[in-house]
C-alpha atoms as a PDB file:
ATOM      1  CA  MET A   1    -173.650  19.283 221.083  1.00  0.00           C
ATOM      2  CA  ILE A   2    -172.199  18.146 218.060  1.00  0.00           C
ATOM      3  CA  GLU A   3    -174.013  15.584 216.024  1.00  0.00           C
ATOM      4  CA  PRO A   4    -171.801  12.646 214.605  1.00  0.00           C
ATOM      5  CA  LYS A   5    -172.408  11.667 211.151  1.00  0.00           C
ATOM      6  CA  LYS A   6    -172.612   7.928 209.821  1.00  0.00           C
ATOM      7  CA  GLN A   7    -170.686   7.930 206.500  1.00  0.00           C
ATOM      8  CA  ASP A   8    -169.203   5.075 204.661  1.00  0.00           C
ATOM      9  CA  PHE A   9    -166.172   5.579 202.465  1.00  0.00           C
ATOM     10  CA  THR A  10    -164.284   3.814 199.461  1.00  0.00           C
ATOM     11  CA  LEU A  11    -160.481   3.840 199.434  1.00  0.00           C
ATOM     12  CA  TYR A  12    -158.794   3.119 196.316  1.00  0.00           C
ATOM     13  CA  GLN A  13    -155.525   1.443 196.980  1.00  0.00           C
ATOM     14  CA  GLY A  14    -152.633   3.672 195.928  1.00  0.00           C
ATOM     15  CA  ALA A  15    -154.731   6.820 195.562  1.00  0.00           C
ATOM     16  CA  THR A  16    -155.143   9.858 197.854  1.00  0.00           C
ATOM     17  CA  TRP A  17    -158.247   9.919 199.793  1.00  0.00           C
ATOM     18  CA  GLU A  18    -159.450  13.227 201.637  1.00  0.00           C
ATOM     19  CA  HIS A  19    -162.404  13.930 203.534  1.00  0.00           C
ATOM     20  CA  THR A  20    -163.363  17.165 205.468  1.00  0.00           C
ATOM     21  CA  PHE A  21    -165.732  17.042 208.437  1.00  0.00           C
ATOM     22  CA  VAL A  22    -167.625  20.187 209.068  1.00  0.00           C
ATOM     23  CA  VAL A  23    -168.210  20.630 212.785  1.00  0.00           C
ATOM     24  CA  LEU A  24    -171.408  22.431 213.410  1.00  0.00           C
ATOM     25  CA  ASP A  25    -173.357  23.133 216.654  1.00  0.00           C
ATOM     26  CA  GLY A  26    -176.220  20.858 216.889  1.00  0.00           C
ATOM     27  CA  GLU A  27    -178.543  23.474 218.181  1.00  0.00           C
ATOM     28  CA  THR A  28    -177.630  26.664 215.984  1.00  0.00           C
ATOM     29  CA  GLY A  29    -176.183  24.828 212.781  1.00  0.00           C
ATOM     30  CA  LEU A  30    -173.274  27.236 212.933  1.00  0.00           C
ATOM     31  CA  PRO A  31    -169.588  26.184 212.628  1.00  0.00           C
ATOM     32  CA  VAL A  32    -167.911  25.458 215.976  1.00  0.00           C
ATOM     33  CA  ASP A  33    -164.497  27.027 216.710  1.00  0.00           C
ATOM     34  CA  VAL A  34    -162.137  24.106 216.863  1.00  0.00           C
ATOM     35  CA  THR A  35    -158.963  26.062 217.356  1.00  0.00           C
ATOM     36  CA  ASP A  36    -156.348  24.118 219.394  1.00  0.00           C
ATOM     37  CA  CYS A  37    -158.467  20.825 219.223  1.00  0.00           C
ATOM     38  CA  THR A  38    -157.014  17.428 218.042  1.00  0.00           C
ATOM     39  CA  ALA A  39    -158.773  15.115 215.693  1.00  0.00           C
ATOM     40  CA  THR A  40    -158.126  11.417 215.240  1.00  0.00           C
ATOM     41  CA  LEU A  41    -159.627   8.730 213.007  1.00  0.00           C
ATOM     42  CA  GLN A  42    -158.953   4.997 213.560  1.00  0.00           C
ATOM     43  CA  ALA A  43    -160.274   1.963 211.601  1.00  0.00           C
ATOM     44  CA  ARG A  44    -160.139  -1.623 212.474  1.00  0.00           C
ATOM     45  CA  GLU A  45    -161.204  -4.746 210.699  1.00  0.00           C
ATOM     46  CA  ASP A  46    -162.813  -6.012 213.868  1.00  0.00           C
ATOM     47  CA  VAL A  47    -163.956  -4.111 216.956  1.00  0.00           C
ATOM     48  CA  ASP A  48    -161.606  -6.271 218.997  1.00  0.00           C
ATOM     49  CA  ASP A  49    -158.465  -5.637 217.009  1.00  0.00           C
ATOM     50  CA  THR A  50    -155.801  -3.804 219.084  1.00  0.00           C
ATOM     51  CA  VAL A  51    -153.881  -2.464 216.036  1.00  0.00           C
ATOM     52  CA  PRO A  52    -155.847  -0.214 213.524  1.00  0.00           C
ATOM     53  CA  VAL A  53    -155.474  -0.639 209.805  1.00  0.00           C
ATOM     54  CA  LEU A  54    -155.675   3.274 209.494  1.00  0.00           C
ATOM     55  CA  ASN A  55    -154.550   5.696 212.260  1.00  0.00           C
ATOM     56  CA  LEU A  56    -154.889   9.293 211.037  1.00  0.00           C
ATOM     57  CA  THR A  57    -154.530  12.712 212.675  1.00  0.00           C
ATOM     58  CA  GLY A  58    -156.823  15.363 211.249  1.00  0.00           C
ATOM     59  CA  GLU A  59    -155.724  18.775 210.054  1.00  0.00           C
ATOM     60  CA  VAL A  60    -157.729  20.983 212.378  1.00  0.00           C
ATOM     61  CA  GLY A  61    -159.095  24.346 211.181  1.00  0.00           C
ATOM     62  CA  ASP A  62    -160.199  27.404 213.385  1.00  0.00           C
ATOM     63  CA  SER A  63    -163.556  29.144 213.818  1.00  0.00           C
ATOM     64  CA  ASP A  64    -164.462  27.554 210.269  1.00  0.00           C
ATOM     65  CA  GLY A  65    -165.048  24.151 212.072  1.00  0.00           C
ATOM     66  CA  LEU A  66    -163.157  22.083 209.365  1.00  0.00           C
ATOM     67  CA  ILE A  67    -161.363  18.827 210.110  1.00  0.00           C
ATOM     68  CA  LYS A  68    -159.575  17.311 207.390  1.00  0.00           C
ATOM     69  CA  PHE A  69    -158.392  13.726 207.123  1.00  0.00           C
ATOM     70  CA  THR A  70    -156.040  12.356 204.466  1.00  0.00           C
ATOM     71  CA  VAL A  71    -154.948   8.942 203.404  1.00  0.00           C
ATOM     72  CA  GLU A  72    -151.774   9.299 201.287  1.00  0.00           C
ATOM     73  CA  PRO A  73    -151.071   6.728 198.402  1.00  0.00           C
ATOM     74  CA  ASP A  74    -148.292   4.845 200.259  1.00  0.00           C
ATOM     75  CA  MET A  75    -150.674   4.201 203.347  1.00  0.00           C
ATOM     76  CA  THR A  76    -152.662   1.593 201.521  1.00  0.00           C
ATOM     77  CA  VAL A  77    -149.937   0.197 199.141  1.00  0.00           C
ATOM     78  CA  GLY A  78    -149.539  -3.554 200.231  1.00  0.00           C
ATOM     79  CA  GLU A  79    -152.581  -3.513 202.432  1.00  0.00           C
ATOM     80  CA  VAL A  80    -154.761  -6.921 202.187  1.00  0.00           C
ATOM     81  CA  TRP A  81    -157.755  -5.842 204.339  1.00  0.00           C
ATOM     82  CA  SER A  82    -161.051  -5.248 202.372  1.00  0.00           C
ATOM     83  CA  ALA A  83    -163.440  -3.613 204.881  1.00  0.00           C
ATOM     84  CA  ALA A  84    -162.823  -1.902 208.324  1.00  0.00           C
ATOM     85  CA  GLY A  85    -165.003   0.303 210.814  1.00  0.00           C
ATOM     86  CA  TYR A  86    -163.895   3.610 211.832  1.00  0.00           C
ATOM     87  CA  ASP A  87    -164.397   6.281 214.513  1.00  0.00           C
ATOM     88  CA  ALA A  88    -163.347   9.896 214.004  1.00  0.00           C
ATOM     89  CA  GLU A  89    -163.204  12.081 217.366  1.00  0.00           C
ATOM     90  CA  LEU A  90    -162.517  15.565 218.263  1.00  0.00           C
ATOM     91  CA  ALA A  91    -160.515  16.207 221.573  1.00  0.00           C
ATOM     92  CA  TRP A  92    -160.807  19.525 223.104  1.00  0.00           C
ATOM     93  CA  PRO A  93    -157.965  21.601 224.362  1.00  0.00           C
ATOM     94  CA  SER A  94    -156.794  21.195 227.921  1.00  0.00           C
ATOM     95  CA  PRO A  95    -157.937  21.816 230.641  1.00  0.00           C
ATOM     96  CA  SER A  96    -160.971  20.150 229.018  1.00  0.00           C
ATOM     97  CA  THR A  97    -161.220  16.317 228.867  1.00  0.00           C
ATOM     98  CA  LYS A  98    -164.162  16.500 226.544  1.00  0.00           C
ATOM     99  CA  VAL A  99    -164.194  14.324 223.398  1.00  0.00           C
ATOM    100  CA  ASP A 100    -166.865  14.525 220.765  1.00  0.00           C
ATOM    101  CA  LYS A 101    -167.489  11.850 218.046  1.00  0.00           C
ATOM    102  CA  LEU A 102    -167.274  13.382 214.619  1.00  0.00           C
ATOM    103  CA  GLY A 103    -168.330  10.525 212.614  1.00  0.00           C
ATOM    104  CA  PHE A 104    -168.407   6.806 212.202  1.00  0.00           C
ATOM    105  CA  GLY A 105    -169.016   4.060 209.536  1.00  0.00           C
ATOM    106  CA  LYS A 106    -167.095   1.660 207.403  1.00  0.00           C
ATOM    107  CA  PHE A 107    -164.228   1.868 204.922  1.00  0.00           C
ATOM    108  CA  LYS A 108    -163.927  -0.344 201.999  1.00  0.00           C
ATOM    109  CA  LEU A 109    -160.693  -0.852 200.396  1.00  0.00           C
ATOM    110  CA  VAL A 110    -160.718  -1.411 196.550  1.00  0.00           C
ATOM    111  CA  ARG A 111    -157.157  -3.172 195.941  1.00  0.00           C
ATOM    112  CA  GLU A 112    -155.359  -2.177 192.723  1.00  0.00           C
ATOM    113  CA  PHE A 113    -154.445  -4.693 190.122  1.00  0.00           C
ATOM    114  CA  THR A 114    -151.559  -2.833 188.564  1.00  0.00           C
ATOM    115  CA  ARG A 115    -148.575  -1.021 190.163  1.00  0.00           C
ATOM    116  CA  GLU A 116    -146.354   1.427 188.623  1.00  0.00           C
ATOM    117  CA  THR A 117    -142.712   0.356 188.943  1.00  0.00           C
ATOM    118  CA  ALA A 118    -139.646   2.494 189.320  1.00  0.00           C
ATOM    119  CA  PRO A 119    -137.219   2.660 186.479  1.00  0.00           C
END
């Protein structure tokens, strides 16, 4: 069993954000082979919102158990939300229908006051 982690994150508007989840077996503590899995992370301002403020697909490793999520600078430029709850999930390859929660928590968006302008 994979034990999800509660983690809160801060995004700085217009900056790159990266986080890597390490998928470990809850009993042995060893990395889980995540080859051919898919990973998603969605964040919403409110649990009832139908459209997420962030909708990410993770970069999935292999027997190292690594799942990396990235928010590129252009993904937050112009955004006006300040906080959102998120869930990150790992779906196992077919024929399995198993989904594990990787993590959950909140994102805080720190808005930028200055912007670089194109020449």
